[in-house]
Protein backbone atom coordinates (compact mmCIF):
# COMPACT_ATOMS: atom_id res chain seq x y z
CA MET A 1 0.08 -0.01 0.00
CA LYS A 2 3.12 2.25 0.27
CA ASN A 3 3.32 2.82 -3.28
CA LEU A 4 -0.46 4.30 -3.51
CA ASN A 5 1.07 7.07 -1.16
CA ARG A 6 2.96 8.80 -4.02
CA VAL A 7 0.19 8.54 -6.62
CA HIS A 8 -3.19 10.51 -6.47
CA LEU A 9 -6.07 8.47 -6.50
CA ASN A 10 -7.70 10.78 -9.03
CA GLY A 11 -4.97 10.46 -11.45
CA LEU A 12 -5.23 6.73 -11.47
CA ARG A 13 -8.85 7.03 -12.07
CA ALA A 14 -8.48 9.52 -15.10
CA VAL A 15 -5.64 6.68 -16.41
CA GLU A 16 -7.78 3.91 -16.27
CA ALA A 17 -10.85 5.51 -17.61
CA VAL A 18 -9.08 6.78 -20.79
CA GLY A 19 -7.43 3.37 -21.36
CA ARG A 20 -10.80 1.65 -20.95
CA LEU A 21 -12.89 4.02 -22.99
CA GLY A 22 -10.29 4.88 -25.43
CA SER A 23 -10.47 8.92 -25.47
CA LEU A 24 -10.28 11.80 -23.08
CA ARG A 25 -13.65 13.02 -24.15
CA ALA A 26 -15.18 9.74 -23.14
CA ALA A 27 -13.38 9.50 -20.00
CA ALA A 28 -14.44 13.32 -19.03
CA GLY A 29 -18.10 12.22 -19.43
CA GLU A 30 -17.81 9.32 -17.29
CA LEU A 31 -15.60 11.20 -14.49
CA GLY A 32 -18.30 14.48 -14.83
CA VAL A 33 -15.08 16.70 -15.53
CA SER A 34 -13.59 18.50 -18.57
CA ALA A 35 -11.60 16.79 -21.19
CA GLY A 36 -8.69 19.28 -20.33
CA ALA A 37 -8.94 18.19 -16.22
CA VAL A 38 -8.55 14.64 -17.39
CA SER A 39 -5.55 15.59 -19.46
CA GLN A 40 -3.73 17.66 -16.85
CA GLN A 41 -4.42 14.61 -14.07
CA ILE A 42 -3.00 11.93 -16.40
CA ILE A 43 0.16 14.47 -16.86
CA LYS A 44 0.35 14.71 -13.11
CA CYS A 45 -0.04 10.88 -12.55
CA GLU A 46 2.69 10.25 -15.10
CA LYS A 47 5.07 12.45 -13.08
CA GLN A 48 4.17 10.84 -9.95
CA LEU A 49 4.73 7.30 -11.72
CA GLY A 50 8.00 8.41 -13.22
CA THR A 51 7.23 6.97 -16.83
CA PRO A 52 4.80 7.72 -19.40
CA VAL A 53 1.44 5.57 -19.65
CA PHE A 54 0.18 6.98 -22.98
CA ASP A 55 1.85 8.08 -26.32
CA ARG A 56 0.29 11.44 -27.59
CA THR A 57 -0.59 10.91 -31.43
CA SER A 58 -2.53 13.20 -33.87
CA ARG A 59 -5.23 10.76 -33.61
CA GLY A 60 -5.57 10.87 -29.67
CA VAL A 61 -3.73 8.81 -26.95
CA ALA A 62 -2.45 5.24 -26.96
CA PRO A 63 -1.26 3.18 -24.03
CA THR A 64 2.59 2.71 -23.95
CA ALA A 65 3.76 -0.81 -23.21
CA PHE A 66 4.13 0.08 -19.51
CA GLY A 67 0.68 1.60 -20.09
CA ARG A 68 -0.85 -1.58 -21.18
CA ALA A 69 0.38 -3.44 -18.22
CA LEU A 70 -0.62 -0.98 -15.54
CA LEU A 71 -4.24 -0.58 -17.09
CA GLY A 72 -5.46 -4.14 -16.53
CA ARG A 73 -4.51 -4.00 -12.79
CA LEU A 74 -5.87 -0.72 -12.53
CA THR A 75 -9.34 -1.54 -14.18
CA ALA A 76 -9.32 -4.87 -11.85
CA GLY A 77 -8.58 -2.71 -8.83
CA PHE A 78 -11.15 -0.29 -9.37
CA ASN A 79 -13.72 -2.82 -10.14
CA THR A 80 -12.81 -4.36 -6.57
CA LEU A 81 -13.33 -1.02 -4.87
CA ASP A 82 -16.70 -0.50 -6.86
CA GLU A 83 -17.79 -3.82 -5.39
CA ALA A 84 -16.61 -2.81 -2.19
CA VAL A 85 -18.56 0.45 -2.12
CA ALA A 86 -21.66 -1.40 -3.37
CA LEU A 87 -21.65 -3.29 -0.20
CA SER A 88 -22.74 -0.35 1.73
CA LYS A 89 -25.35 0.33 -0.55
CA HIS A 90 -26.45 -3.11 -0.31
CA HIS A 91 -26.39 -3.05 3.60
CA ALA A 92 -28.42 0.37 3.64
CA ASP A 93 -30.96 -1.54 1.54
CA THR A 94 -31.22 -4.81 3.34
CA THR A 95 -30.85 -3.51 6.97
CA LEU A 96 -33.89 -1.98 8.59
CA THR A 97 -32.98 0.11 11.72
CA ILE A 98 -35.87 0.58 14.14
CA SER A 99 -35.89 2.72 17.29
CA VAL A 100 -38.01 1.50 19.73
CA ALA A 101 -38.79 1.52 23.68
CA PRO A 102 -37.20 -1.56 25.23
CA VAL A 103 -40.49 -2.73 26.50
CA PHE A 104 -42.54 -2.29 23.38
CA ALA A 105 -39.69 -4.37 21.79
CA SER A 106 -39.36 -7.21 24.31
CA LYS A 107 -43.16 -7.53 24.97
CA TRP A 108 -44.44 -7.06 21.74
CA LEU A 109 -42.33 -6.22 18.68
CA VAL A 110 -39.54 -8.88 19.15
CA PRO A 111 -41.92 -11.95 19.56
CA ARG A 112 -43.41 -11.00 16.10
CA LEU A 113 -40.12 -10.68 14.23
CA SER A 114 -40.19 -14.31 12.99
CA ARG A 115 -43.54 -13.18 11.18
CA TYR A 116 -41.85 -10.38 9.70
CA ALA A 117 -38.94 -12.22 8.43
CA GLN A 118 -41.11 -14.86 6.83
CA SER A 119 -42.64 -11.97 4.74
CA PHE A 120 -39.43 -10.23 4.03
CA PRO A 121 -36.56 -12.68 4.12
CA ASP A 122 -33.86 -10.28 2.56
CA ILE A 123 -34.14 -7.64 5.40
CA GLN A 124 -32.29 -7.93 8.26
CA VAL A 125 -33.58 -5.95 11.19
CA ARG A 126 -31.51 -3.91 13.64
CA LEU A 127 -33.29 -2.60 16.81
CA ASP A 128 -32.09 0.35 18.69
CA ALA A 129 -33.73 -0.10 22.08
CA SER A 130 -34.26 3.50 23.28
CA VAL A 131 -36.86 5.89 24.66
CA THR A 132 -35.26 9.12 23.24
CA MET A 133 -36.75 10.76 20.32
CA VAL A 134 -34.21 10.57 17.61
CA SER A 135 -34.75 12.33 14.38
CA PRO A 136 -34.29 9.87 11.44
CA ASP A 137 -32.72 12.90 9.59
CA ALA A 138 -29.92 13.01 12.22
CA SER A 139 -29.17 9.39 12.46
CA ASP A 140 -29.11 6.07 10.98
CA ILE A 141 -32.76 5.45 12.15
CA ASP A 142 -34.93 4.38 9.23
CA ILE A 143 -38.08 4.39 11.60
CA ALA A 144 -39.22 4.77 15.17
CA ILE A 145 -42.18 3.56 17.18
CA ARG A 146 -43.08 6.02 20.08
CA VAL A 147 -45.85 6.68 22.63
CA GLY A 148 -47.00 10.15 22.98
CA ASP A 149 -49.51 12.64 21.48
CA GLY A 150 -47.73 12.58 18.10
CA ASP A 151 -46.95 16.25 18.32
CA TRP A 152 -43.20 15.87 17.63
CA HIS A 153 -41.42 18.71 15.64
CA GLY A 154 -39.32 18.06 12.27
CA VAL A 155 -40.54 14.34 11.97
CA ALA A 156 -43.31 12.47 10.28
CA THR A 157 -45.81 10.61 12.16
CA ASP A 158 -48.33 7.96 11.50
CA PHE A 159 -50.82 6.81 14.09
CA LEU A 160 -50.92 3.12 15.17
CA LEU A 161 -52.91 2.47 18.19
CA PRO A 162 -54.56 4.49 21.26
CA GLN A 163 -53.02 3.61 24.47
CA GLU A 164 -55.38 2.24 26.84
CA VAL A 165 -54.71 1.00 30.40
CA PHE A 166 -56.59 -1.58 32.65
CA PRO A 167 -55.79 -3.75 35.74
CA VAL A 168 -54.03 -7.32 35.20
CA CYS A 169 -53.14 -9.98 37.70
CA THR A 170 -53.00 -13.89 38.10
CA PRO A 171 -55.98 -15.90 37.62
CA ALA A 172 -56.07 -16.84 40.92
CA MET A 173 -55.92 -13.31 42.42
CA ALA A 174 -58.67 -12.52 40.02
CA GLU A 175 -61.14 -14.84 41.73
CA THR A 176 -61.02 -12.66 44.84
CA LEU A 177 -62.15 -9.54 42.57
CA ARG A 178 -65.93 -9.10 42.22
CA GLU A 179 -66.19 -5.40 41.78
CA PRO A 180 -63.42 -2.71 41.27
CA ARG A 181 -63.45 -1.58 44.87
CA ASP A 182 -61.98 -5.05 45.62
CA ILE A 183 -58.72 -3.93 44.10
CA LEU A 184 -58.33 -1.93 47.35
CA ALA A 185 -57.43 -4.92 49.42
CA LEU A 186 -54.76 -6.30 47.26
CA PRO A 187 -51.30 -5.09 46.60
CA ILE A 188 -50.55 -2.88 43.59
CA VAL A 189 -47.23 -3.42 41.64
CA ARG A 190 -45.90 -0.20 40.19
CA ASP A 191 -43.85 1.09 37.23
CA ALA A 192 -42.12 3.84 38.80
CA ASN A 193 -41.43 5.49 35.44
CA SER A 194 -45.01 5.33 34.21
CA SER A 195 -46.73 8.71 33.82
CA ILE A 196 -50.36 7.19 33.73
CA SER A 197 -51.92 7.35 37.45
CA TRP A 198 -54.18 4.63 38.55
CA ASP A 199 -56.84 7.66 38.76
CA VAL A 200 -57.31 7.32 35.10
CA TRP A 201 -59.03 3.91 35.41
CA LEU A 202 -60.18 4.27 38.89
CA ALA A 203 -62.18 7.77 38.83
CA PRO A 204 -65.34 6.30 36.99
CA PHE A 205 -65.77 4.22 40.02
CA GLY A 206 -65.36 6.76 42.45
CA LEU A 207 -62.04 5.40 43.73
CA CYS A 208 -58.52 7.06 43.63
CA ASP A 209 -55.03 6.16 43.66
CA ALA A 210 -54.45 7.23 47.24
CA ASP A 211 -56.95 4.34 48.43
CA LEU A 212 -54.52 1.67 46.93
CA ARG A 213 -52.36 -0.47 49.00
CA ASP A 214 -48.83 -0.32 47.53
CA GLY A 215 -46.61 -3.50 46.85
CA ASN A 216 -43.39 -3.53 45.01
CA THR A 217 -42.27 -0.79 42.78
CA PHE A 218 -40.15 -1.17 39.78
CA THR A 219 -38.17 1.23 37.63
CA ASP A 220 -38.95 -1.13 34.51
CA ALA A 221 -42.23 -1.87 33.17
CA SER A 222 -41.03 -5.52 31.99
CA LEU A 223 -39.91 -6.20 35.86
CA ALA A 224 -43.49 -4.90 37.04
CA LEU A 225 -45.08 -7.08 34.65
CA ASP A 226 -43.08 -10.22 35.79
CA ALA A 227 -43.80 -9.38 39.24
CA ALA A 228 -47.56 -9.55 38.48
CA ILE A 229 -47.38 -12.77 36.66
CA ALA A 230 -45.43 -14.08 39.87
CA GLY A 231 -48.61 -13.27 41.84
CA GLN A 232 -47.17 -10.16 43.85
CA GLY A 233 -50.01 -7.99 43.06
CA VAL A 234 -52.12 -6.09 40.63
CA MET A 235 -50.92 -3.88 37.64
CA LEU A 236 -52.14 -1.03 35.60
CA ALA A 237 -51.13 -2.42 32.23
CA TRP A 238 -51.71 -1.36 28.53
CA GLN A 239 -52.22 -3.36 25.56
CA THR A 240 -48.77 -4.24 24.00
CA LEU A 241 -47.16 -4.89 27.21
CA ALA A 242 -49.76 -7.12 28.69
CA HIS A 243 -50.85 -8.67 25.20
CA TYR A 244 -48.60 -12.02 25.24
CA ALA A 245 -49.40 -12.67 29.34
CA LEU A 246 -52.93 -12.48 28.52
CA SER A 247 -52.95 -14.57 25.45
CA VAL A 248 -51.22 -17.41 27.18
CA GLY A 249 -53.13 -17.24 30.49
CA GLN A 250 -50.42 -15.97 32.74
CA LEU A 251 -52.45 -13.03 33.51
CA VAL A 252 -56.12 -11.85 33.31
CA ALA A 253 -57.96 -8.68 33.09
CA PRO A 254 -60.59 -8.86 35.94
CA PHE A 255 -62.68 -6.30 34.58
CA PRO A 256 -63.71 -5.24 30.96
CA GLU A 257 -63.15 -1.55 31.20
CA ARG A 258 -60.42 0.09 29.62
CA ALA A 259 -59.30 3.72 30.31
CA ALA A 260 -57.79 5.84 27.43
CA THR A 261 -54.59 7.64 28.55
CA GLY A 262 -54.78 10.13 25.65
CA LEU A 263 -51.60 8.74 24.08
CA GLY A 264 -50.83 6.50 21.26
CA TYR A 265 -48.30 4.47 19.52
CA TRP A 266 -46.92 6.27 16.64
CA LEU A 267 -44.65 5.40 13.65
CA VAL A 268 -42.15 7.96 13.21
CA THR A 269 -40.03 8.57 10.10
CA SER A 270 -38.02 11.39 8.45
CA ALA A 271 -40.21 14.43 6.96
CA THR A 272 -37.92 15.16 4.13
CA ARG A 273 -36.25 11.87 2.87
CA ARG A 274 -37.96 9.89 0.36
CA GLU A 275 -39.30 6.59 2.05
CA PRO A 276 -37.40 3.35 0.95
CA ALA A 277 -39.45 0.42 -0.12
CA LYS A 278 -38.10 -1.44 3.35
CA VAL A 279 -39.95 1.20 5.50
CA ARG A 280 -42.95 1.16 3.62
CA ASP A 281 -42.97 -2.52 3.76
CA PHE A 282 -42.48 -2.39 7.58
CA ARG A 283 -45.37 0.43 7.74
CA ARG A 284 -47.97 -2.02 5.96
CA TRP A 285 -46.73 -4.93 8.17
CA ILE A 286 -46.55 -3.45 11.87
CA LYS A 287 -50.37 -1.78 11.11
CA ALA A 288 -51.30 -5.23 10.04
CA GLU A 289 -49.86 -6.68 13.29
CA ILE A 290 -51.35 -3.80 15.55
CA ALA A 291 -54.86 -4.38 13.84
CA GLU A 292 -54.64 -8.15 15.03
CA THR A 293 -53.75 -7.11 18.49
CA ALA A 294 -56.72 -4.44 18.70
CA ARG A 295 -59.03 -7.21 17.24
CA ASP A 296 -57.85 -9.75 19.87
CA PHE A 297 -58.50 -7.15 22.80
CA SER A 298 -61.93 -6.30 21.23
CA ALA A 299 -62.90 -9.91 21.40
CA ARG A 300 -62.10 -10.28 25.12
């Protein structure tokens, strides 16, 4: 590689293009510069190499014996470089980077990725587990899934699902619950990072959060859900968090009422970039999966 340090790459590109295409004008067209610029690059390259690459004739340029030996290697080398650069485009086209909250990823999205892979076998998913809102225009994120009101500046948003909350507990614990007031006698498993108060669900029944009996508190919703599954108390959960545990019978929703939080799940994409096919396909796929989850809850 040390030999490359004494020769400018642009000069070698000019030499290779002229040798392959047969003229300064054709090489200039491919490289996007003037024929004069190509000629100057070749002259500089010949000086750096210390020997002529082309003979100048009235009919144009023709490779010298050294030039013919050099050109074959240059063309092979630039073809290899072109293939190497093409790998990055292939990676960009076949890798879908999704920014998503860890809880949503672990409890809802990841279990469904095998179905996504069956539909789109050529796409590899890269999950960026984060709760931080990152603009796709300022990162390598292709698409994000966020919970909120959808009012985020500088991004495009697409509504997926309204967030609703409801109590969940083990089937054994649910047997002691005849009416919402009975929850007051049971320990409450809390997610300390949740912005949703129990009041949202309790208020229609004339109850409030202050009436509840506190149990264990966790700073991660997944851990709080695990505690509820272990029978440690009642948790105020939401659809995507509790869906699997409910579907396999680890938990039940003892009451049919669900309370709207005023928040929702949103797809977040670039407001300025053209949307690639892999993002459009994921958008369609996740909307179908979300619709299936919503139908499942409606049937309960």
